[in-house]
Amino acid sequence: MRRVALARRHVAAAGLTLVLTALSAGLLVGGSNQAQLAALQAENDGLRAQNESYLLAAGELTNQITDLQAAISELDGLADLDPATRRAIDRLPAIVRARAMGGDVAVAAAQSVPLPSPAGTFGKLKDLLGSLADGLESARTHFEKQQALARATPAVWPVAGWLSSSYGNRKDPFTGAPDFHPGLDISANRGTPVRAPADGTVETAGVNGNYGRSVLLGHGFGLSTRFGHLSAYVVRSGQRVRRGDIIGYVGSTGRATSAHLHYEVLLNGAPINPLRLLTRP
């Protein structure tokens, strides 16, 4: 054993040094932890804000996709024309079909380009969906005009009967002289219902010279139809009618030799051959 004598001031100085060293180390470690916590908190706040932004963008994209799906379903329905109506439209003069054209349907194409970040991805997707929406709106307009033209095309026979005189040159039934017949004569029993061959508006309904009791329907796109020699009419000027609605009854009023319907189709006021458009009873 060895005995070492230490002065009290040395022991006190050594103890104080140890205490100060420990305190300094603790303060340094604590300060470092506080700085790290602050940095992590700031990073977490930034990630939270970014996540909320992505969720909002994803919600907007979901809504756009839902709207596009609904628009596509609607266009599928609009594009579904029955074959007979399609044939009638194809036989219309080019000027009528041109009035119903809605322009070329826009087509959006996605390009393969590197996307720098999720934010860039959302931006590109939104741009693409926007282009698709514009294209679908253009297609919707086009198909709606096609549907309107289909409803306005006089493609059905206005009365059940038999054709007794065609469109074109013929002999006048009263004088025997050469004559131009601007429509069709469809023979039927007196009182047989006469129906609208397409949707339209009654332009005139009344007595009209050689036509006798007659009705003139306007269908839009420059198309109109005239019905003559009626025994009676059941519509009035300005009334909207739909294809198949009864507008009058077969008779022999005006310049007629027997009960029949005189039926005309006019384009911009000039007669065209109704047989070009009549595709079904």
Protein backbone atom coordinates (compact mmCIF):
# COMPACT_ATOMS: atom_id res chain seq x y z
CA MET A 1 0.00 0.00 0.00
CA ARG A 2 1.05 3.51 -0.76
CA ARG A 3 -0.37 6.59 0.75
CA VAL A 4 -0.79 9.69 -1.39
CA ALA A 5 -1.52 12.97 0.18
CA LEU A 6 -3.62 15.39 -1.94
CA ALA A 7 -4.31 18.92 -1.05
CA ARG A 8 -8.04 19.72 -0.72
CA ARG A 9 -7.80 22.44 -3.32
CA HIS A 10 -6.50 19.91 -5.87
CA VAL A 11 -9.38 17.52 -5.15
CA ALA A 12 -11.89 20.35 -5.42
CA ALA A 13 -10.38 21.58 -8.68
CA ALA A 14 -10.45 18.07 -10.18
CA GLY A 15 -14.08 17.55 -9.16
CA LEU A 16 -15.14 20.89 -10.56
CA THR A 17 -13.40 20.05 -13.85
CA LEU A 18 -15.28 16.73 -14.12
CA VAL A 19 -18.61 18.39 -13.43
CA LEU A 20 -18.01 21.13 -16.00
CA THR A 21 -16.90 18.57 -18.58
CA ALA A 22 -20.04 16.49 -18.06
CA LEU A 23 -22.29 19.56 -18.27
CA SER A 24 -20.62 20.73 -21.49
CA ALA A 25 -21.00 17.32 -23.10
CA GLY A 26 -24.66 17.19 -22.11
CA LEU A 27 -25.36 20.66 -23.49
CA LEU A 28 -23.68 19.81 -26.83
CA VAL A 29 -25.63 16.56 -27.21
CA GLY A 30 -28.89 18.29 -26.28
CA GLY A 31 -28.32 21.13 -28.75
CA SER A 32 -27.54 18.68 -31.53
CA ASN A 33 -30.73 16.69 -30.85
CA GLN A 34 -32.86 19.85 -30.89
CA ALA A 35 -31.43 20.88 -34.25
CA GLN A 36 -32.10 17.42 -35.71
CA LEU A 37 -35.66 17.42 -34.37
CA ALA A 38 -36.33 20.83 -35.89
CA ALA A 39 -34.98 19.67 -39.26
CA LEU A 40 -37.08 16.49 -39.17
CA GLN A 41 -40.19 18.48 -38.24
CA ALA A 42 -39.67 20.87 -41.15
CA GLU A 43 -39.15 17.94 -43.56
CA ASN A 44 -42.28 16.21 -42.24
CA ASP A 45 -44.35 19.37 -42.70
CA GLY A 46 -43.12 19.65 -46.27
CA LEU A 47 -43.98 16.01 -47.03
CA ARG A 48 -47.42 16.42 -45.48
CA ALA A 49 -48.14 19.47 -47.66
CA GLN A 50 -46.85 17.67 -50.74
CA ASN A 51 -48.97 14.60 -49.95
CA GLU A 52 -52.09 16.74 -49.55
CA SER A 53 -51.35 18.34 -52.91
CA TYR A 54 -51.02 14.92 -54.57
CA LEU A 55 -54.24 13.70 -52.97
CA LEU A 56 -56.06 16.76 -54.29
CA ALA A 57 -54.61 16.26 -57.77
CA ALA A 58 -55.51 12.56 -57.67
CA GLY A 59 -59.09 13.47 -56.73
CA GLU A 60 -59.34 15.87 -59.66
CA LEU A 61 -57.98 13.22 -62.04
CA THR A 62 -60.49 10.68 -60.70
CA ASN A 63 -63.34 13.11 -61.37
CA GLN A 64 -62.06 13.79 -64.88
CA ILE A 65 -61.78 10.08 -65.62
CA THR A 66 -65.34 9.52 -64.35
CA ASP A 67 -66.64 12.34 -66.55
CA LEU A 68 -64.78 10.93 -69.56
CA GLN A 69 -66.22 7.46 -68.96
CA ALA A 70 -69.73 8.95 -68.85
CA ALA A 71 -69.07 10.92 -72.03
CA ILE A 72 -67.79 7.81 -73.82
CA SER A 73 -70.91 5.86 -72.80
CA GLU A 74 -73.09 8.70 -74.06
CA LEU A 75 -71.24 8.81 -77.39
CA ASP A 76 -71.72 5.06 -77.80
CA GLY A 77 -75.47 5.69 -77.62
CA LEU A 78 -75.38 8.68 -79.96
CA ALA A 79 -73.41 6.82 -82.58
CA ASP A 80 -75.93 3.95 -82.71
CA LEU A 81 -78.09 4.79 -85.76
CA ASP A 82 -80.27 2.06 -87.21
CA PRO A 83 -79.23 0.91 -90.71
CA ALA A 84 -82.36 2.25 -92.44
CA THR A 85 -81.85 5.77 -91.07
CA ARG A 86 -78.16 5.60 -91.94
CA ARG A 87 -79.02 4.69 -95.54
CA ALA A 88 -81.49 7.58 -95.73
CA ILE A 89 -78.86 10.02 -94.46
CA ASP A 90 -76.35 8.71 -96.98
CA ARG A 91 -78.85 9.47 -99.76
CA LEU A 92 -79.32 13.08 -98.69
CA PRO A 93 -77.77 15.74 -100.92
CA ALA A 94 -74.21 16.62 -99.94
CA ILE A 95 -75.23 20.15 -98.94
CA VAL A 96 -77.59 18.76 -96.27
CA ARG A 97 -75.00 16.38 -94.86
CA ALA A 98 -72.45 19.21 -94.78
CA ARG A 99 -74.77 21.25 -92.54
CA ALA A 100 -74.76 18.42 -90.03
CA MET A 101 -71.01 17.90 -89.97
CA GLY A 102 -69.39 18.85 -86.71
CA GLY A 103 -65.81 18.89 -88.02
CA ASP A 104 -63.12 16.33 -87.52
CA VAL A 105 -63.09 14.58 -84.19
CA ALA A 106 -60.01 15.59 -82.27
CA VAL A 107 -57.66 12.76 -81.30
CA ALA A 108 -55.28 13.12 -78.38
CA ALA A 109 -52.07 11.12 -78.41
CA ALA A 110 -49.81 10.61 -75.42
CA GLN A 111 -46.10 11.03 -76.06
CA SER A 112 -43.51 9.00 -74.20
CA VAL A 113 -41.37 11.56 -72.40
CA PRO A 114 -39.45 11.30 -69.15
CA LEU A 115 -41.31 12.76 -66.20
CA PRO A 116 -39.07 14.43 -63.66
CA SER A 117 -41.30 14.01 -60.61
CA PRO A 118 -44.73 12.86 -59.38
CA ALA A 119 -45.86 16.46 -59.75
CA GLY A 120 -44.80 16.34 -63.40
CA THR A 121 -46.68 13.07 -63.83
CA PHE A 122 -49.90 14.57 -62.49
CA GLY A 123 -49.42 17.59 -64.72
CA LYS A 124 -48.95 15.46 -67.84
CA LEU A 125 -51.95 13.30 -66.97
CA LYS A 126 -54.13 16.36 -66.44
CA ASP A 127 -53.02 17.78 -69.79
CA LEU A 128 -53.75 14.47 -71.52
CA LEU A 129 -57.18 14.15 -69.91
CA GLY A 130 -57.92 17.73 -70.85
CA SER A 131 -57.07 16.96 -74.49
CA LEU A 132 -59.25 13.85 -74.38
CA ALA A 133 -62.11 15.88 -72.91
CA ASP A 134 -61.82 18.42 -75.72
CA GLY A 135 -61.83 15.63 -78.29
CA LEU A 136 -64.86 13.98 -76.73
CA GLU A 137 -66.73 17.29 -76.63
CA SER A 138 -66.03 17.73 -80.34
CA ALA A 139 -67.20 14.17 -80.97
CA ARG A 140 -70.32 14.78 -78.88
CA THR A 141 -71.18 17.85 -80.97
CA HIS A 142 -70.62 15.87 -84.17
CA PHE A 143 -72.81 12.96 -83.09
CA GLU A 144 -75.54 15.23 -81.73
CA LYS A 145 -75.74 16.92 -85.12
CA GLN A 146 -75.87 13.51 -86.78
CA GLN A 147 -78.71 12.50 -84.46
CA ALA A 148 -80.55 15.75 -85.23
CA LEU A 149 -80.14 15.09 -88.96
CA ALA A 150 -81.42 11.52 -88.50
CA ARG A 151 -84.55 12.81 -86.73
CA ALA A 152 -85.04 15.46 -89.45
CA THR A 153 -84.64 13.09 -92.42
CA PRO A 154 -88.04 12.07 -93.90
CA ALA A 155 -87.12 8.40 -94.18
CA VAL A 156 -90.52 6.77 -93.54
CA TRP A 157 -93.64 6.59 -95.70
CA PRO A 158 -96.23 9.09 -94.46
CA VAL A 159 -99.23 6.87 -95.24
CA ALA A 160 -100.04 3.21 -95.81
CA GLY A 161 -101.09 2.87 -99.45
CA TRP A 162 -99.79 2.21 -102.95
CA LEU A 163 -97.81 4.43 -105.27
CA SER A 164 -100.05 5.71 -108.07
CA SER A 165 -97.81 8.45 -109.51
CA SER A 166 -94.06 9.01 -109.19
CA TYR A 167 -91.85 12.06 -109.07
CA GLY A 168 -90.87 13.59 -112.40
CA ASN A 169 -92.31 14.05 -115.88
CA ARG A 170 -95.76 12.65 -116.57
CA LYS A 171 -99.03 13.42 -118.35
CA ASP A 172 -101.40 15.77 -116.55
CA PRO A 173 -104.30 13.57 -115.30
CA PHE A 174 -106.84 16.26 -116.27
CA THR A 175 -105.53 17.55 -119.61
CA GLY A 176 -103.17 14.81 -120.80
CA ALA A 177 -100.50 17.44 -121.53
CA PRO A 178 -96.86 16.92 -120.50
CA ASP A 179 -96.41 17.89 -116.88
CA PHE A 180 -93.80 17.75 -114.12
CA HIS A 181 -94.97 16.07 -110.93
CA PRO A 182 -93.00 17.47 -107.91
CA GLY A 183 -93.86 14.64 -105.52
CA LEU A 184 -95.47 11.25 -105.06
CA ASP A 185 -99.15 10.34 -105.21
CA ILE A 186 -99.91 7.61 -102.68
CA SER A 187 -103.41 6.17 -103.09
CA ALA A 188 -105.25 5.16 -99.94
CA ASN A 189 -108.77 5.03 -98.59
CA ARG A 190 -110.32 8.31 -97.55
CA GLY A 191 -109.66 8.93 -93.85
CA THR A 192 -106.41 6.91 -93.70
CA PRO A 193 -104.09 8.60 -91.17
CA VAL A 194 -101.20 10.64 -92.57
CA ARG A 195 -98.16 10.69 -90.30
CA ALA A 196 -95.13 12.96 -90.03
CA PRO A 197 -92.16 11.23 -91.71
CA ALA A 198 -89.65 13.07 -89.48
CA ASP A 199 -89.48 15.43 -86.51
CA GLY A 200 -90.33 19.01 -87.37
CA THR A 201 -92.48 22.09 -86.94
CA VAL A 202 -95.75 22.86 -88.71
CA GLU A 203 -95.06 25.84 -90.96
CA THR A 204 -98.53 26.06 -92.52
CA ALA A 205 -101.78 24.14 -92.16
CA GLY A 206 -104.74 25.24 -94.28
CA VAL A 207 -106.25 25.40 -97.76
CA ASN A 208 -103.63 25.96 -100.49
CA GLY A 209 -104.96 26.18 -104.08
CA ASN A 210 -104.59 22.95 -106.06
CA TYR A 211 -103.24 21.17 -102.98
CA GLY A 212 -106.58 21.61 -101.21
CA ARG A 213 -106.24 21.10 -97.47
CA SER A 214 -102.51 20.77 -96.95
CA VAL A 215 -99.77 20.81 -94.32
CA LEU A 216 -96.16 21.98 -94.68
CA LEU A 217 -93.60 20.72 -92.15
CA GLY A 218 -90.14 22.22 -91.63
CA HIS A 219 -87.51 19.76 -90.42
CA GLY A 220 -84.35 21.88 -90.31
CA PHE A 221 -81.19 21.53 -92.42
CA GLY A 222 -83.16 23.08 -95.30
CA LEU A 223 -85.56 20.10 -95.46
CA SER A 224 -89.36 20.37 -95.52
CA THR A 225 -92.29 18.14 -96.52
CA ARG A 226 -95.71 18.97 -98.01
CA PHE A 227 -98.92 16.92 -97.76
CA GLY A 228 -101.80 17.73 -100.11
CA HIS A 229 -105.44 16.78 -100.82
CA LEU A 230 -106.13 16.01 -97.15
CA SER A 231 -109.70 15.49 -96.01
CA ALA A 232 -108.72 17.14 -92.73
CA TYR A 233 -105.62 18.20 -90.80
CA VAL A 234 -105.18 18.00 -87.03
CA VAL A 235 -102.17 20.27 -86.49
CA ARG A 236 -101.70 24.04 -86.38
CA SER A 237 -98.93 26.42 -87.41
CA GLY A 238 -95.99 26.49 -85.01
CA GLN A 239 -96.78 23.06 -83.51
CA ARG A 240 -93.89 20.66 -82.93
CA VAL A 241 -94.42 17.12 -84.24
CA ARG A 242 -92.41 13.96 -84.01
CA ARG A 243 -91.93 11.21 -86.55
CA GLY A 244 -95.06 9.06 -86.58
CA ASP A 245 -97.46 11.71 -85.22
CA ILE A 246 -100.75 11.97 -87.10
CA ILE A 247 -100.99 15.31 -88.92
CA GLY A 248 -104.10 14.69 -91.06
CA TYR A 249 -106.16 12.22 -93.08
CA VAL A 250 -106.25 11.17 -96.74
CA GLY A 251 -108.82 12.95 -98.90
CA SER A 252 -109.38 14.39 -102.36
CA THR A 253 -109.61 18.14 -101.74
CA GLY A 254 -108.14 20.55 -104.27
CA ARG A 255 -107.21 19.35 -107.75
CA ALA A 256 -107.50 15.58 -107.35
CA THR A 257 -109.22 12.81 -109.24
CA SER A 258 -109.57 10.42 -106.31
CA ALA A 259 -108.61 9.94 -102.67
CA HIS A 260 -104.83 9.97 -102.30
CA LEU A 261 -101.98 11.80 -100.57
CA HIS A 262 -99.77 14.12 -102.59
CA TYR A 263 -96.40 14.03 -100.81
CA GLU A 264 -93.41 16.28 -101.51
CA VAL A 265 -89.90 16.61 -100.05
CA LEU A 266 -88.29 20.01 -100.55
CA LEU A 267 -84.69 21.12 -100.11
CA ASN A 268 -84.36 24.89 -99.66
CA GLY A 269 -87.84 25.19 -101.15
CA ALA A 270 -87.12 23.13 -104.31
CA PRO A 271 -88.63 19.62 -104.71
CA ILE A 272 -86.43 16.51 -104.71
CA ASN A 273 -87.44 12.91 -105.29
CA PRO A 274 -88.89 11.53 -102.01
CA LEU A 275 -88.01 7.97 -103.08
CA ARG A 276 -84.33 8.80 -102.50
CA LEU A 277 -85.05 8.96 -98.78
CA LEU A 278 -87.93 6.52 -98.20
CA THR A 279 -86.29 3.40 -96.80
CA ARG A 280 -88.92 1.82 -94.55
CA PRO A 281 -92.70 1.79 -93.97
